[in-house]
């Protein structure tokens, strides 16, 4: 079991990886879908995912500097 900084680092690394994959999937779907409602929902979610990814990367950088 991880504790302290090791846990924080492992967790934030997973968040960066997860949000990177989610962003790519949402961007791909936004370009591919022909369903207007789905496209709108996907496009609305992209900025949220981008913000979360940015936060995760910022936290990752902070943890690396400890």
Protein backbone atom coordinates (compact mmCIF):
# COMPACT_ATOMS: atom_id res chain seq x y z
CA UNK A 1 0.00 0.00 0.00
CA UNK A 2 1.29 3.42 -0.94
CA UNK A 3 1.30 6.29 1.53
CA UNK A 4 2.15 9.96 1.58
CA UNK A 5 3.97 11.42 -1.39
CA UNK A 6 4.22 8.03 -3.14
CA UNK A 7 0.44 7.69 -3.03
CA UNK A 8 -0.06 11.28 -4.20
CA UNK A 9 2.35 10.78 -7.10
CA UNK A 10 0.78 7.50 -8.21
CA UNK A 11 -2.71 8.99 -7.98
CA UNK A 12 -1.91 12.14 -9.93
CA UNK A 13 -0.04 10.14 -12.57
CA UNK A 14 -3.22 8.09 -13.07
CA UNK A 15 -5.29 11.27 -13.29
CA UNK A 16 -3.02 12.71 -15.99
CA UNK A 17 -3.12 9.46 -17.95
CA UNK A 18 -6.89 9.06 -17.55
CA UNK A 19 -7.75 12.64 -18.51
CA UNK A 20 -5.37 12.53 -21.48
CA UNK A 21 -7.17 9.45 -22.79
CA UNK A 22 -10.60 10.90 -22.06
CA UNK A 23 -9.75 14.12 -23.87
CA UNK A 24 -8.57 12.24 -26.95
CA UNK A 25 -11.72 10.09 -26.95
CA UNK A 26 -14.04 13.07 -26.58
CA UNK A 27 -12.24 15.03 -29.31
CA UNK A 28 -12.46 12.03 -31.63
CA UNK A 29 -16.17 11.58 -30.91
CA UNK A 30 -16.86 15.29 -31.42
CA UNK A 31 -15.42 15.01 -34.91
CA UNK A 32 -17.04 11.67 -35.75
CA UNK A 33 -20.60 11.90 -34.46
CA UNK A 34 -23.46 13.05 -36.61
CA UNK A 35 -25.95 13.17 -33.75
CA UNK A 36 -26.42 16.87 -32.91
CA UNK A 37 -27.37 16.31 -29.26
CA UNK A 38 -24.46 13.98 -28.65
CA UNK A 39 -22.07 16.34 -30.42
CA UNK A 40 -23.26 19.22 -28.25
CA UNK A 41 -22.81 17.24 -25.05
CA UNK A 42 -19.37 15.99 -26.05
CA UNK A 43 -18.20 19.45 -27.11
CA UNK A 44 -19.48 20.94 -23.84
CA UNK A 45 -17.50 18.37 -21.85
CA UNK A 46 -14.19 18.96 -23.65
CA UNK A 47 -13.30 22.23 -21.83
CA UNK A 48 -14.06 20.59 -18.48
CA UNK A 49 -11.74 17.69 -19.26
CA UNK A 50 -9.07 20.12 -20.49
CA UNK A 51 -9.32 22.07 -17.22
CA UNK A 52 -9.07 18.89 -15.15
CA UNK A 53 -6.08 17.72 -17.18
CA UNK A 54 -4.39 21.09 -16.70
CA UNK A 55 -4.96 20.87 -12.92
CA UNK A 56 -3.61 17.33 -12.81
CA UNK A 57 -0.49 18.34 -14.75
CA UNK A 58 0.04 21.31 -12.42
CA UNK A 59 -0.25 19.05 -9.39
CA UNK A 60 2.13 16.57 -11.00
CA UNK A 61 4.72 19.30 -11.51
CA UNK A 62 4.32 20.44 -7.88
CA UNK A 63 4.77 16.90 -6.59
CA UNK A 64 7.87 16.38 -8.74
CA UNK A 65 9.50 19.46 -7.22
CA UNK A 66 9.15 18.15 -3.63
